[in-house]
Amino acid sequence: MKFAKIICATLLLIFAAALSGCGSSSTGEVRTVAICFPNTTSSWQRNGDSLQKLLEDEGFKIDMQFSATVAEQQQQVKDAIAKNPNCIVIGAIDSEAFVDVLQDASKKNIPVIAFDRILLNTDAVSYYASFDNGAIGDGMGEYIEAALNLKSGAGPYNMELFAGAPTDKNAHIFFANTMKILEPYFRNGQLVCRSGQNTFEQVAVADWNSENARPRIKDLLNRFYTSETLNVVLSPNDDIAGVILDEMEKAGKSYPVISGLDGDPAAFERIRQGKQTFTISKDPDVLTAKCVRMIKAVVEGTQPDINDVTNYNNGVKIVPAYLCTPMIIDKTNVNSLAAK
């Protein structure tokens, strides 16, 4: 199957170029980078660990902070700004939570890089490093479309929908792009949402916390699928897919066609076992390598590589971005890619 903008793993090696050290200035001063990430999912921890190691290998001093709540992350960013780092990297729990917090960073001319999630309604963000979020949504929709043979008129199939956190703009993009592909099949009856819960607001999972999805999938199974088969589930990430599959197993249900995102090791194992259909991998090595190069450029006062200057309007400005390319992992390639 061919999916728009989704590439094979070998092409991702373009980001593996060696990075020359610049953690110290010409005067010998050690450069400091403050990193403020959530600890809400395992993928954030992997991203943080990878980014910290790469930067430390380059000679940077790292102020690494993880947070569980918006208030905690706001305070961590405030504290980081007070220490006058050479750059701040923020993976936001809530993309809109830093409008006031980052005013001091702007006054101090501290570069701010948004990591994976765009920072909204602030002109203090300098750059954005992420994956092509539109391509992720497209890939989910196109994979489900092909797996069910929808273009040839197959169906009807019962399908339920889950989406990511309302506070994460990426979650909105994933869902919108997937539904752009699948909505025609809901309209013509090839896909049937028995619950009628088909808007982002109805299906969003607060904080991307997989346990927040558990009560809803249990309710869906009890109310709509006691005798009917749930054929397809749109899951916005691997952790949530794991919870959905766990509850379906407990209910004695067969495994549906189900999506995922992040390329978690647990998802690879579920794919091998025939439980999870596919995941879309946001390889932390790819994104963190690109972010390191971006950090080095802004610390040196040079222009980092960017490949998108039109699509990320944060409400105040268009944020220059570099978008990495995700890849689909399913039973056809999981053994080769998961061992990477």
C-alpha atoms as a PDB file:
ATOM      1  CA  MET A   1       0.000   0.000   0.000  1.00  0.00           C
ATOM      2  CA  LYS A   2       1.207   3.490  -0.823  1.00  0.00           C
ATOM      3  CA  PHE A   3       0.528   6.313   1.592  1.00  0.00           C
ATOM      4  CA  ALA A   4       1.027  10.025   0.926  1.00  0.00           C
ATOM      5  CA  LYS A   5       4.106  11.491   2.583  1.00  0.00           C
ATOM      6  CA  ILE A   6       4.831   8.298   4.562  1.00  0.00           C
ATOM      7  CA  ILE A   7       8.259   6.890   3.791  1.00  0.00           C
ATOM      8  CA  CYS A   8      10.203   3.754   4.556  1.00  0.00           C
ATOM      9  CA  ALA A   9      12.666   3.601   7.405  1.00  0.00           C
ATOM     10  CA  THR A  10      15.746   3.751   5.213  1.00  0.00           C
ATOM     11  CA  LEU A  11      14.972   7.283   4.109  1.00  0.00           C
ATOM     12  CA  LEU A  12      14.972   8.416   7.707  1.00  0.00           C
ATOM     13  CA  LEU A  13      18.712   7.891   7.771  1.00  0.00           C
ATOM     14  CA  ILE A  14      19.127  11.364   6.285  1.00  0.00           C
ATOM     15  CA  PHE A  15      19.094  12.642   9.833  1.00  0.00           C
ATOM     16  CA  ALA A  16      21.946  10.456  10.994  1.00  0.00           C
ATOM     17  CA  ALA A  17      24.701  12.820   9.847  1.00  0.00           C
ATOM     18  CA  ALA A  18      27.380  13.461  12.422  1.00  0.00           C
ATOM     19  CA  LEU A  19      26.966  16.587  14.503  1.00  0.00           C
ATOM     20  CA  SER A  20      29.996  18.768  15.157  1.00  0.00           C
ATOM     21  CA  GLY A  21      30.427  19.976  18.716  1.00  0.00           C
ATOM     22  CA  CYS A  22      29.487  23.508  19.649  1.00  0.00           C
ATOM     23  CA  GLY A  23      28.441  23.180  23.276  1.00  0.00           C
ATOM     24  CA  SER A  24      31.095  25.690  24.263  1.00  0.00           C
ATOM     25  CA  SER A  25      31.538  29.172  22.854  1.00  0.00           C
ATOM     26  CA  SER A  26      34.809  30.510  21.463  1.00  0.00           C
ATOM     27  CA  THR A  27      35.530  31.904  24.929  1.00  0.00           C
ATOM     28  CA  GLY A  28      35.096  28.509  26.538  1.00  0.00           C
ATOM     29  CA  GLU A  29      31.749  29.383  28.098  1.00  0.00           C
ATOM     30  CA  VAL A  30      29.487  26.353  28.394  1.00  0.00           C
ATOM     31  CA  ARG A  31      26.153  26.842  26.641  1.00  0.00           C
ATOM     32  CA  THR A  32      23.013  25.884  28.564  1.00  0.00           C
ATOM     33  CA  VAL A  33      19.808  24.483  27.100  1.00  0.00           C
ATOM     34  CA  ALA A  34      16.660  24.234  29.221  1.00  0.00           C
ATOM     35  CA  ILE A  35      14.261  21.436  28.245  1.00  0.00           C
ATOM     36  CA  CYS A  36      10.734  21.285  29.672  1.00  0.00           C
ATOM     37  CA  PHE A  37       8.799  18.156  28.687  1.00  0.00           C
ATOM     38  CA  PRO A  38       5.694  16.349  29.950  1.00  0.00           C
ATOM     39  CA  ASN A  39       5.954  12.954  31.602  1.00  0.00           C
ATOM     40  CA  THR A  40       2.416  12.042  30.549  1.00  0.00           C
ATOM     41  CA  THR A  41       3.393   9.270  28.094  1.00  0.00           C
ATOM     42  CA  SER A  42       6.346   6.934  27.666  1.00  0.00           C
ATOM     43  CA  SER A  43       7.216   8.519  24.316  1.00  0.00           C
ATOM     44  CA  TRP A  44       7.910  11.883  25.989  1.00  0.00           C
ATOM     45  CA  GLN A  45      10.375  10.231  28.353  1.00  0.00           C
ATOM     46  CA  ARG A  46      12.147   8.579  25.409  1.00  0.00           C
ATOM     47  CA  ASN A  47      12.277  11.877  23.516  1.00  0.00           C
ATOM     48  CA  GLY A  48      13.649  13.703  26.545  1.00  0.00           C
ATOM     49  CA  ASP A  49      16.308  11.111  27.294  1.00  0.00           C
ATOM     50  CA  SER A  50      17.414  11.022  23.664  1.00  0.00           C
ATOM     51  CA  LEU A  51      17.590  14.821  23.339  1.00  0.00           C
ATOM     52  CA  GLN A  52      19.497  15.212  26.592  1.00  0.00           C
ATOM     53  CA  LYS A  53      22.097  12.612  25.629  1.00  0.00           C
ATOM     54  CA  LEU A  54      22.692  14.080  22.177  1.00  0.00           C
ATOM     55  CA  LEU A  55      23.128  17.593  23.560  1.00  0.00           C
ATOM     56  CA  GLU A  56      25.397  16.488  26.395  1.00  0.00           C
ATOM     57  CA  ASP A  57      27.526  14.618  23.854  1.00  0.00           C
ATOM     58  CA  GLU A  58      27.852  17.946  22.054  1.00  0.00           C
ATOM     59  CA  GLY A  59      29.095  19.652  25.230  1.00  0.00           C
ATOM     60  CA  PHE A  60      25.929  21.486  26.224  1.00  0.00           C
ATOM     61  CA  LYS A  61      24.853  21.781  29.842  1.00  0.00           C
ATOM     62  CA  ILE A  62      21.239  20.581  30.093  1.00  0.00           C
ATOM     63  CA  ASP A  63      18.570  21.705  32.528  1.00  0.00           C
ATOM     64  CA  MET A  64      16.065  18.846  32.000  1.00  0.00           C
ATOM     65  CA  GLN A  65      12.633  19.049  33.595  1.00  0.00           C
ATOM     66  CA  PHE A  66       9.606  16.769  33.312  1.00  0.00           C
ATOM     67  CA  SER A  67       6.155  17.757  34.549  1.00  0.00           C
ATOM     68  CA  ALA A  68       2.805  16.094  35.141  1.00  0.00           C
ATOM     69  CA  THR A  69       0.551  19.168  35.157  1.00  0.00           C
ATOM     70  CA  VAL A  70       0.201  22.432  33.279  1.00  0.00           C
ATOM     71  CA  ALA A  71       0.846  24.489  36.421  1.00  0.00           C
ATOM     72  CA  GLU A  72       4.010  22.543  37.175  1.00  0.00           C
ATOM     73  CA  GLN A  73       5.290  23.006  33.634  1.00  0.00           C
ATOM     74  CA  GLN A  74       4.536  26.722  33.659  1.00  0.00           C
ATOM     75  CA  GLN A  75       6.605  27.109  36.831  1.00  0.00           C
ATOM     76  CA  GLN A  76       9.445  25.054  35.360  1.00  0.00           C
ATOM     77  CA  VAL A  77       9.554  27.305  32.290  1.00  0.00           C
ATOM     78  CA  LYS A  78       9.523  30.419  34.507  1.00  0.00           C
ATOM     79  CA  ASP A  79      12.408  29.030  36.544  1.00  0.00           C
ATOM     80  CA  ALA A  80      14.311  28.147  33.383  1.00  0.00           C
ATOM     81  CA  ILE A  81      13.921  31.654  31.957  1.00  0.00           C
ATOM     82  CA  ALA A  82      15.214  33.148  35.213  1.00  0.00           C
ATOM     83  CA  LYS A  83      18.480  31.214  34.732  1.00  0.00           C
ATOM     84  CA  ASN A  84      19.059  32.849  31.298  1.00  0.00           C
ATOM     85  CA  PRO A  85      19.772  29.743  29.217  1.00  0.00           C
ATOM     86  CA  ASN A  86      20.995  30.031  25.640  1.00  0.00           C
ATOM     87  CA  CYS A  87      17.878  28.244  24.394  1.00  0.00           C
ATOM     88  CA  ILE A  88      14.632  26.798  25.791  1.00  0.00           C
ATOM     89  CA  VAL A  89      12.918  23.736  24.300  1.00  0.00           C
ATOM     90  CA  ILE A  90       9.305  23.160  25.312  1.00  0.00           C
ATOM     91  CA  GLY A  91       7.135  20.110  24.719  1.00  0.00           C
ATOM     92  CA  ALA A  92       3.880  21.599  25.931  1.00  0.00           C
ATOM     93  CA  ILE A  93       1.245  19.801  27.958  1.00  0.00           C
ATOM     94  CA  ASP A  94      -1.137  22.611  26.979  1.00  0.00           C
ATOM     95  CA  SER A  95      -0.160  24.503  23.839  1.00  0.00           C
ATOM     96  CA  GLU A  96      -1.972  27.663  24.987  1.00  0.00           C
ATOM     97  CA  ALA A  97      -0.530  27.816  28.495  1.00  0.00           C
ATOM     98  CA  PHE A  98       2.610  29.879  27.847  1.00  0.00           C
ATOM     99  CA  VAL A  99       1.368  33.211  26.507  1.00  0.00           C
ATOM    100  CA  ASP A 100       2.252  35.113  29.688  1.00  0.00           C
ATOM    101  CA  VAL A 101       5.070  32.828  30.807  1.00  0.00           C
ATOM    102  CA  LEU A 102       7.172  33.426  27.696  1.00  0.00           C
ATOM    103  CA  GLN A 103       7.012  37.230  27.779  1.00  0.00           C
ATOM    104  CA  ASP A 104      10.200  37.326  29.835  1.00  0.00           C
ATOM    105  CA  ALA A 105      11.935  35.002  27.386  1.00  0.00           C
ATOM    106  CA  SER A 106      11.052  37.417  24.606  1.00  0.00           C
ATOM    107  CA  LYS A 107      12.352  40.387  26.585  1.00  0.00           C
ATOM    108  CA  LYS A 108      15.614  38.546  27.231  1.00  0.00           C
ATOM    109  CA  ASN A 109      15.923  37.423  23.588  1.00  0.00           C
ATOM    110  CA  ILE A 110      16.086  33.773  24.618  1.00  0.00           C
ATOM    111  CA  PRO A 111      15.284  31.546  21.614  1.00  0.00           C
ATOM    112  CA  VAL A 112      12.347  29.202  22.222  1.00  0.00           C
ATOM    113  CA  ILE A 113      11.845  26.009  20.219  1.00  0.00           C
ATOM    114  CA  ALA A 114       8.494  24.236  20.340  1.00  0.00           C
ATOM    115  CA  PHE A 115       9.084  20.467  20.305  1.00  0.00           C
ATOM    116  CA  ASP A 116       6.398  18.284  18.700  1.00  0.00           C
ATOM    117  CA  ARG A 117       3.570  20.579  19.855  1.00  0.00           C
ATOM    118  CA  ILE A 118       3.225  24.126  18.595  1.00  0.00           C
ATOM    119  CA  LEU A 119       3.012  26.912  21.180  1.00  0.00           C
ATOM    120  CA  LEU A 120      -0.099  28.972  20.507  1.00  0.00           C
ATOM    121  CA  ASN A 121      -0.890  32.692  20.762  1.00  0.00           C
ATOM    122  CA  THR A 122       2.649  33.840  21.532  1.00  0.00           C
ATOM    123  CA  ASP A 123       5.252  35.608  19.432  1.00  0.00           C
ATOM    124  CA  ALA A 124       8.035  34.331  21.702  1.00  0.00           C
ATOM    125  CA  VAL A 125       8.345  30.966  19.931  1.00  0.00           C
ATOM    126  CA  SER A 126      11.216  31.032  17.450  1.00  0.00           C
ATOM    127  CA  TYR A 127      10.905  27.672  15.686  1.00  0.00           C
ATOM    128  CA  TYR A 128       8.900  24.474  15.691  1.00  0.00           C
ATOM    129  CA  ALA A 129      10.351  20.956  15.331  1.00  0.00           C
ATOM    130  CA  SER A 130       7.869  18.156  14.790  1.00  0.00           C
ATOM    131  CA  PHE A 131       6.612  15.468  12.466  1.00  0.00           C
ATOM    132  CA  ASP A 132       4.299  16.126   9.548  1.00  0.00           C
ATOM    133  CA  ASN A 133       1.089  15.969  11.545  1.00  0.00           C
ATOM    134  CA  GLY A 134      -1.129  16.203   8.493  1.00  0.00           C
ATOM    135  CA  ALA A 135       0.649  13.199   6.990  1.00  0.00           C
ATOM    136  CA  ILE A 136       0.067  11.241  10.199  1.00  0.00           C
ATOM    137  CA  GLY A 137      -3.688  11.815   9.971  1.00  0.00           C
ATOM    138  CA  ASP A 138      -3.669  11.041   6.269  1.00  0.00           C
ATOM    139  CA  GLY A 139      -1.710   7.858   6.893  1.00  0.00           C
ATOM    140  CA  MET A 140      -4.181   6.625   9.496  1.00  0.00           C
ATOM    141  CA  GLY A 141      -7.152   7.259   7.235  1.00  0.00           C
ATOM    142  CA  GLU A 142      -5.531   5.801   4.132  1.00  0.00           C
ATOM    143  CA  TYR A 143      -4.365   2.681   5.951  1.00  0.00           C
ATOM    144  CA  ILE A 144      -7.857   1.982   7.319  1.00  0.00           C
ATOM    145  CA  GLU A 145      -9.369   2.718   3.906  1.00  0.00           C
ATOM    146  CA  ALA A 146      -7.050   0.197   2.244  1.00  0.00           C
ATOM    147  CA  ALA A 147      -7.211  -2.440   4.993  1.00  0.00           C
ATOM    148  CA  LEU A 148     -11.013  -2.549   4.735  1.00  0.00           C
ATOM    149  CA  ASN A 149     -11.040  -2.295   0.928  1.00  0.00           C
ATOM    150  CA  LEU A 150     -13.406   0.652   1.193  1.00  0.00           C
ATOM    151  CA  LYS A 151     -12.590   2.056  -2.239  1.00  0.00           C
ATOM    152  CA  SER A 152     -14.037  -1.132  -3.745  1.00  0.00           C
ATOM    153  CA  GLY A 153     -17.274  -0.755  -1.805  1.00  0.00           C
ATOM    154  CA  ALA A 154     -16.651  -3.255   1.012  1.00  0.00           C
ATOM    155  CA  GLY A 155     -18.649  -3.023   4.221  1.00  0.00           C
ATOM    156  CA  PRO A 156     -20.576  -2.132   6.217  1.00  0.00           C
ATOM    157  CA  TYR A 157     -18.160  -2.089   9.161  1.00  0.00           C
ATOM    158  CA  ASN A 158     -18.869  -0.863  12.675  1.00  0.00           C
ATOM    159  CA  MET A 159     -16.308   1.736  13.719  1.00  0.00           C
ATOM    160  CA  GLU A 160     -15.717   3.786  16.872  1.00  0.00           C
ATOM    161  CA  LEU A 161     -13.462   6.806  17.178  1.00  0.00           C
ATOM    162  CA  PHE A 162     -10.995   8.088  19.761  1.00  0.00           C
ATOM    163  CA  ALA A 163      -8.884  11.258  19.547  1.00  0.00           C
ATOM    164  CA  GLY A 164      -6.074  12.841  21.536  1.00  0.00           C
ATOM    165  CA  ALA A 165      -6.071  15.638  24.082  1.00  0.00           C
ATOM    166  CA  PRO A 166      -8.162  18.752  23.343  1.00  0.00           C
ATOM    167  CA  THR A 167      -5.242  20.916  24.539  1.00  0.00           C
ATOM    168  CA  ASP A 168      -2.908  19.522  21.851  1.00  0.00           C
ATOM    169  CA  LYS A 169      -3.318  21.107  18.415  1.00  0.00           C
ATOM    170  CA  ASN A 170      -1.657  18.056  16.863  1.00  0.00           C
ATOM    171  CA  ALA A 171      -4.526  15.885  18.079  1.00  0.00           C
ATOM    172  CA  HIS A 172      -6.984  18.078  16.195  1.00  0.00           C
ATOM    173  CA  ILE A 173      -4.887  17.821  13.028  1.00  0.00           C
ATOM    174  CA  PHE A 174      -4.596  14.025  13.256  1.00  0.00           C
ATOM    175  CA  PHE A 175      -8.347  13.615  13.698  1.00  0.00           C
ATOM    176  CA  ALA A 176      -9.362  16.130  11.037  1.00  0.00           C
ATOM    177  CA  ASN A 177      -7.104  14.627   8.386  1.00  0.00           C
ATOM    178  CA  THR A 178      -8.177  11.073   9.167  1.00  0.00           C
ATOM    179  CA  MET A 179     -11.849  11.974   9.087  1.00  0.00           C
ATOM    180  CA  LYS A 180     -11.421  13.848   5.807  1.00  0.00           C
ATOM    181  CA  ILE A 181     -10.625  10.458   4.275  1.00  0.00           C
ATOM    182  CA  LEU A 182     -13.153   8.361   6.200  1.00  0.00           C
ATOM    183  CA  GLU A 183     -16.205  10.651   6.309  1.00  0.00           C
ATOM    184  CA  PRO A 184     -17.418   9.718   2.781  1.00  0.00           C
ATOM    185  CA  TYR A 185     -17.647   6.100   3.920  1.00  0.00           C
ATOM    186  CA  PHE A 186     -19.674   7.078   6.987  1.00  0.00           C
ATOM    187  CA  ARG A 187     -22.018   9.062   4.753  1.00  0.00           C
ATOM    188  CA  ASN A 188     -22.617   6.189   2.331  1.00  0.00           C
ATOM    189  CA  GLY A 189     -22.999   3.577   5.067  1.00  0.00           C
ATOM    190  CA  GLN A 190     -19.820   1.557   4.503  1.00  0.00           C
ATOM    191  CA  LEU A 191     -18.691   2.691   7.960  1.00  0.00           C
ATOM    192  CA  VAL A 192     -21.209   2.821  10.809  1.00  0.00           C
ATOM    193  CA  CYS A 193     -20.599   4.548  14.140  1.00  0.00           C
ATOM    194  CA  ARG A 194     -23.221   2.842  16.309  1.00  0.00           C
ATOM    195  CA  SER A 195     -22.638   5.193  19.252  1.00  0.00           C
ATOM    196  CA  GLY A 196     -23.107   8.309  17.127  1.00  0.00           C
ATOM    197  CA  GLN A 197     -20.055   9.776  18.885  1.00  0.00           C
ATOM    198  CA  ASN A 198     -18.136  11.130  15.933  1.00  0.00           C
ATOM    199  CA  THR A 199     -16.968  14.675  16.728  1.00  0.00           C
ATOM    200  CA  PHE A 200     -13.580  15.521  18.162  1.00  0.00           C
ATOM    201  CA  GLU A 201     -15.152  16.895  21.324  1.00  0.00           C
ATOM    202  CA  GLN A 202     -17.091  13.667  21.898  1.00  0.00           C
ATOM    203  CA  VAL A 203     -14.159  11.308  21.403  1.00  0.00           C
ATOM    204  CA  ALA A 204     -11.133  13.249  22.749  1.00  0.00           C
ATOM    205  CA  VAL A 205      -9.088  11.623  25.522  1.00  0.00           C
ATOM    206  CA  ALA A 206      -8.078  14.142  28.195  1.00  0.00           C
ATOM    207  CA  ASP A 207      -4.334  14.630  28.658  1.00  0.00           C
ATOM    208  CA  TRP A 208      -3.576  11.772  26.246  1.00  0.00           C
ATOM    209  CA  ASN A 209      -3.942   9.606  29.366  1.00  0.00           C
ATOM    210  CA  SER A 210      -4.855   6.111  28.225  1.00  0.00           C
ATOM    211  CA  GLU A 211      -6.694   5.374  31.453  1.00  0.00           C
ATOM    212  CA  ASN A 212      -9.088   8.187  30.587  1.00  0.00           C
ATOM    213  CA  ALA A 213     -10.117   6.124  27.556  1.00  0.00           C
ATOM    214  CA  ARG A 214     -10.921   2.982  29.575  1.00  0.00           C
ATOM    215  CA  PRO A 215     -14.375   3.972  30.908  1.00  0.00           C
ATOM    216  CA  ARG A 216     -15.515   5.043  27.454  1.00  0.00           C
ATOM    217  CA  ILE A 217     -14.512   1.860  25.610  1.00  0.00           C
ATOM    218  CA  LYS A 218     -16.150  -0.223  28.364  1.00  0.00           C
ATOM    219  CA  ASP A 219     -19.327   1.821  27.990  1.00  0.00           C
ATOM    220  CA  LEU A 220     -19.283   1.493  24.200  1.00  0.00           C
ATOM    221  CA  LEU A 221     -18.904  -2.283  24.394  1.00  0.00           C
ATOM    222  CA  ASN A 222     -21.648  -2.629  26.992  1.00  0.00           C
ATOM    223  CA  ARG A 223     -24.136  -0.365  25.244  1.00  0.00           C
ATOM    224  CA  PHE A 224     -23.598  -0.970  21.539  1.00  0.00           C
ATOM    225  CA  TYR A 225     -21.597  -4.164  21.026  1.00  0.00           C
ATOM    226  CA  THR A 226     -23.095  -6.866  23.220  1.00  0.00           C
ATOM    227  CA  SER A 227     -24.203  -8.721  20.091  1.00  0.00           C
ATOM    228  CA  GLU A 228     -22.678  -6.574  17.330  1.00  0.00           C
ATOM    229  CA  THR A 229     -19.037  -6.762  16.221  1.00  0.00           C
ATOM    230  CA  LEU A 230     -16.792  -3.741  16.626  1.00  0.00           C
ATOM    231  CA  ASN A 231     -14.770  -4.029  13.415  1.00  0.00           C
ATOM    232  CA  VAL A 232     -12.611  -0.906  13.444  1.00  0.00           C
ATOM    233  CA  VAL A 233     -11.271   1.538  16.040  1.00  0.00           C
ATOM    234  CA  LEU A 234      -9.465   4.799  15.392  1.00  0.00           C
ATOM    235  CA  SER A 235      -6.969   5.091  18.243  1.00  0.00           C
ATOM    236  CA  PRO A 236      -4.854   8.264  18.384  1.00  0.00           C
ATOM    237  CA  ASN A 237      -1.807   6.607  19.945  1.00  0.00           C
ATOM    238  CA  ASP A 238      -0.357   3.300  21.084  1.00  0.00           C
ATOM    239  CA  ASP A 239      -1.047   3.677  24.803  1.00  0.00           C
ATOM    240  CA  ILE A 240      -4.744   4.240  24.132  1.00  0.00           C
ATOM    241  CA  ALA A 241      -4.808   1.363  21.647  1.00  0.00           C
ATOM    242  CA  GLY A 242      -3.416  -0.875  24.384  1.00  0.00           C
ATOM    243  CA  VAL A 243      -6.229   0.039  26.780  1.00  0.00           C
ATOM    244  CA  ILE A 244      -8.888  -0.437  24.108  1.00  0.00           C
ATOM    245  CA  LEU A 245      -7.549  -3.867  23.200  1.00  0.00           C
ATOM    246  CA  ASP A 246      -7.287  -4.813  26.865  1.00  0.00           C
ATOM    247  CA  GLU A 247     -10.967  -4.051  27.448  1.00  0.00           C
ATOM    248  CA  MET A 248     -12.001  -5.855  24.273  1.00  0.00           C
ATOM    249  CA  GLU A 249     -10.065  -8.933  25.404  1.00  0.00           C
ATOM    250  CA  LYS A 250     -11.781  -8.820  28.796  1.00  0.00           C
ATOM    251  CA  ALA A 251     -15.143  -8.619  27.042  1.00  0.00           C
ATOM    252  CA  GLY A 252     -14.290 -11.608  24.862  1.00  0.00           C
ATOM    253  CA  LYS A 253     -14.329  -9.569  21.670  1.00  0.00           C
ATOM    254  CA  SER A 254     -12.290 -10.247  18.550  1.00  0.00           C
ATOM    255  CA  TYR A 255      -9.527  -7.816  17.681  1.00  0.00           C
ATOM    256  CA  PRO A 256     -10.573  -4.943  15.418  1.00  0.00           C
ATOM    257  CA  VAL A 257      -8.586  -3.134  12.788  1.00  0.00           C
ATOM    258  CA  ILE A 258      -6.997  -0.553  15.093  1.00  0.00           C
ATOM    259  CA  SER A 259      -4.542   2.279  14.594  1.00  0.00           C
ATOM    260  CA  GLY A 260      -1.790   3.624  16.809  1.00  0.00           C
ATOM    261  CA  LEU A 261       0.846   6.323  16.971  1.00  0.00           C
ATOM    262  CA  ASP A 262       4.345   6.689  18.463  1.00  0.00           C
ATOM    263  CA  GLY A 263       5.880   3.315  17.614  1.00  0.00           C
ATOM    264  CA  ASP A 264       6.049   2.118  21.230  1.00  0.00           C
ATOM    265  CA  PRO A 265       7.781  -1.229  21.879  1.00  0.00           C
ATOM    266  CA  ALA A 266       4.556  -2.555  23.430  1.00  0.00           C
ATOM    267  CA  ALA A 267       2.752  -1.732  20.180  1.00  0.00           C
ATOM    268  CA  PHE A 268       5.386  -3.612  18.178  1.00  0.00           C
ATOM    269  CA  GLU A 269       4.718  -6.687  20.292  1.00  0.00           C
ATOM    270  CA  ARG A 270       0.947  -6.362  19.872  1.00  0.00           C
ATOM    271  CA  ILE A 271       1.442  -6.093  16.106  1.00  0.00           C
ATOM    272  CA  ARG A 272       3.543  -9.276  16.132  1.00  0.00           C
ATOM    273  CA  GLN A 273       0.803 -11.019  18.113  1.00  0.00           C
ATOM    274  CA  GLY A 274      -1.887  -9.932  15.661  1.00  0.00           C
ATOM    275  CA  LYS A 275      -3.656  -7.689  18.167  1.00  0.00           C
ATOM    276  CA  GLN A 276      -2.828  -4.167  16.984  1.00  0.00           C
ATOM    277  CA  THR A 277      -3.030  -3.598  13.230  1.00  0.00           C
ATOM    278  CA  PHE A 278      -0.518  -0.799  12.764  1.00  0.00           C
ATOM    279  CA  THR A 279       1.218   2.136  14.361  1.00  0.00           C
ATOM    280  CA  ILE A 280       2.753   5.269  12.901  1.00  0.00           C
ATOM    281  CA  SER A 281       6.239   5.778  14.232  1.00  0.00           C
ATOM    282  CA  LYS A 282       7.485   9.196  15.265  1.00  0.00           C
ATOM    283  CA  ASP A 283      11.043   7.992  15.629  1.00  0.00           C
ATOM    284  CA  PRO A 284      12.582   9.925  18.550  1.00  0.00           C
ATOM    285  CA  ASP A 285      16.033   9.606  17.010  1.00  0.00           C
ATOM    286  CA  VAL A 286      14.863  11.421  13.885  1.00  0.00           C
ATOM    287  CA  LEU A 287      13.143  14.295  15.672  1.00  0.00           C
ATOM    288  CA  THR A 288      15.738  14.776  18.384  1.00  0.00           C
ATOM    289  CA  ALA A 289      18.601  14.771  15.863  1.00  0.00           C
ATOM    290  CA  LYS A 290      16.832  17.497  13.895  1.00  0.00           C
ATOM    291  CA  CYS A 291      16.086  19.453  17.076  1.00  0.00           C
ATOM    292  CA  VAL A 292      19.744  19.307  18.141  1.00  0.00           C
ATOM    293  CA  ARG A 293      20.779  20.813  14.820  1.00  0.00           C
ATOM    294  CA  MET A 294      18.140  23.513  15.252  1.00  0.00           C
ATOM    295  CA  ILE A 295      19.357  24.276  18.788  1.00  0.00           C
ATOM    296  CA  LYS A 296      22.960  24.522  17.642  1.00  0.00           C
ATOM    297  CA  ALA A 297      21.980  26.957  14.912  1.00  0.00           C
ATOM    298  CA  VAL A 298      20.005  29.310  17.163  1.00  0.00           C
ATOM    299  CA  VAL A 299      22.682  29.249  19.862  1.00  0.00           C
ATOM    300  CA  GLU A 300      25.276  30.174  17.237  1.00  0.00           C
ATOM    301  CA  GLY A 301      22.981  32.870  15.867  1.00  0.00           C
ATOM    302  CA  THR A 302      22.564  31.246  12.477  1.00  0.00           C
ATOM    303  CA  GLN A 303      19.468  30.217  10.515  1.00  0.00           C
ATOM    304  CA  PRO A 304      18.396  26.607  11.181  1.00  0.00           C
ATOM    305  CA  ASP A 305      17.126  24.380   8.411  1.00  0.00           C
ATOM    306  CA  ILE A 306      13.358  24.675   7.998  1.00  0.00           C
ATOM    307  CA  ASN A 307      10.997  23.146   5.457  1.00  0.00           C
ATOM    308  CA  ASP A 308       7.650  24.758   6.285  1.00  0.00           C
ATOM    309  CA  VAL A 309       6.989  28.486   6.465  1.00  0.00           C
ATOM    310  CA  THR A 310       3.256  28.518   5.766  1.00  0.00           C
ATOM    311  CA  ASN A 311       1.270  25.912   7.711  1.00  0.00           C
ATOM    312  CA  TYR A 312       1.835  26.686  11.378  1.00  0.00           C
ATOM    313  CA  ASN A 313       0.060  29.904  12.267  1.00  0.00           C
ATOM    314  CA  ASN A 314      -0.083  29.931  16.063  1.00  0.00           C
ATOM    315  CA  GLY A 315      -2.615  32.748  16.223  1.00  0.00           C
ATOM    316  CA  VAL A 316       0.004  35.484  16.428  1.00  0.00           C
ATOM    317  CA  LYS A 317       2.631  34.538  13.859  1.00  0.00           C
ATOM    318  CA  ILE A 318       3.539  31.875  11.348  1.00  0.00           C
ATOM    319  CA  VAL A 319       6.148  29.788  13.128  1.00  0.00           C
ATOM    320  CA  PRO A 320       8.975  28.499  10.902  1.00  0.00           C
ATOM    321  CA  ALA A 321       9.056  24.720  11.209  1.00  0.00           C
ATOM    322  CA  TYR A 322      10.984  21.641  10.316  1.00  0.00           C
ATOM    323  CA  LEU A 323       8.654  18.670   9.805  1.00  0.00           C
ATOM    324  CA  CYS A 324      10.116  15.177   9.922  1.00  0.00           C
ATOM    325  CA  THR A 325       8.454  12.352   8.008  1.00  0.00           C
ATOM    326  CA  PRO A 326       6.680   9.570   9.945  1.00  0.00           C
ATOM    327  CA  MET A 327       6.487   5.931   8.898  1.00  0.00           C
ATOM    328  CA  ILE A 328       3.883   3.190   9.115  1.00  0.00           C
ATOM    329  CA  ILE A 329       4.727  -0.028  10.931  1.00  0.00           C
ATOM    330  CA  ASP A 330       2.547  -3.125  10.584  1.00  0.00           C
ATOM    331  CA  LYS A 331       2.997  -6.882  10.365  1.00  0.00           C
ATOM    332  CA  THR A 332       4.904  -6.560   7.085  1.00  0.00           C
ATOM    333  CA  ASN A 333       7.833  -4.630   8.544  1.00  0.00           C
ATOM    334  CA  VAL A 334       7.567  -4.732  12.343  1.00  0.00           C
ATOM    335  CA  ASN A 335      10.320  -7.301  12.826  1.00  0.00           C
ATOM    336  CA  SER A 336      12.871  -5.379  10.803  1.00  0.00           C
ATOM    337  CA  LEU A 337      12.002  -1.919  12.099  1.00  0.00           C
ATOM    338  CA  ALA A 338      11.312  -2.720  15.730  1.00  0.00           C
ATOM    339  CA  ALA A 339      14.833  -4.067  16.073  1.00  0.00           C
ATOM    340  CA  LYS A 340      16.257  -0.740  14.919  1.00  0.00           C
END
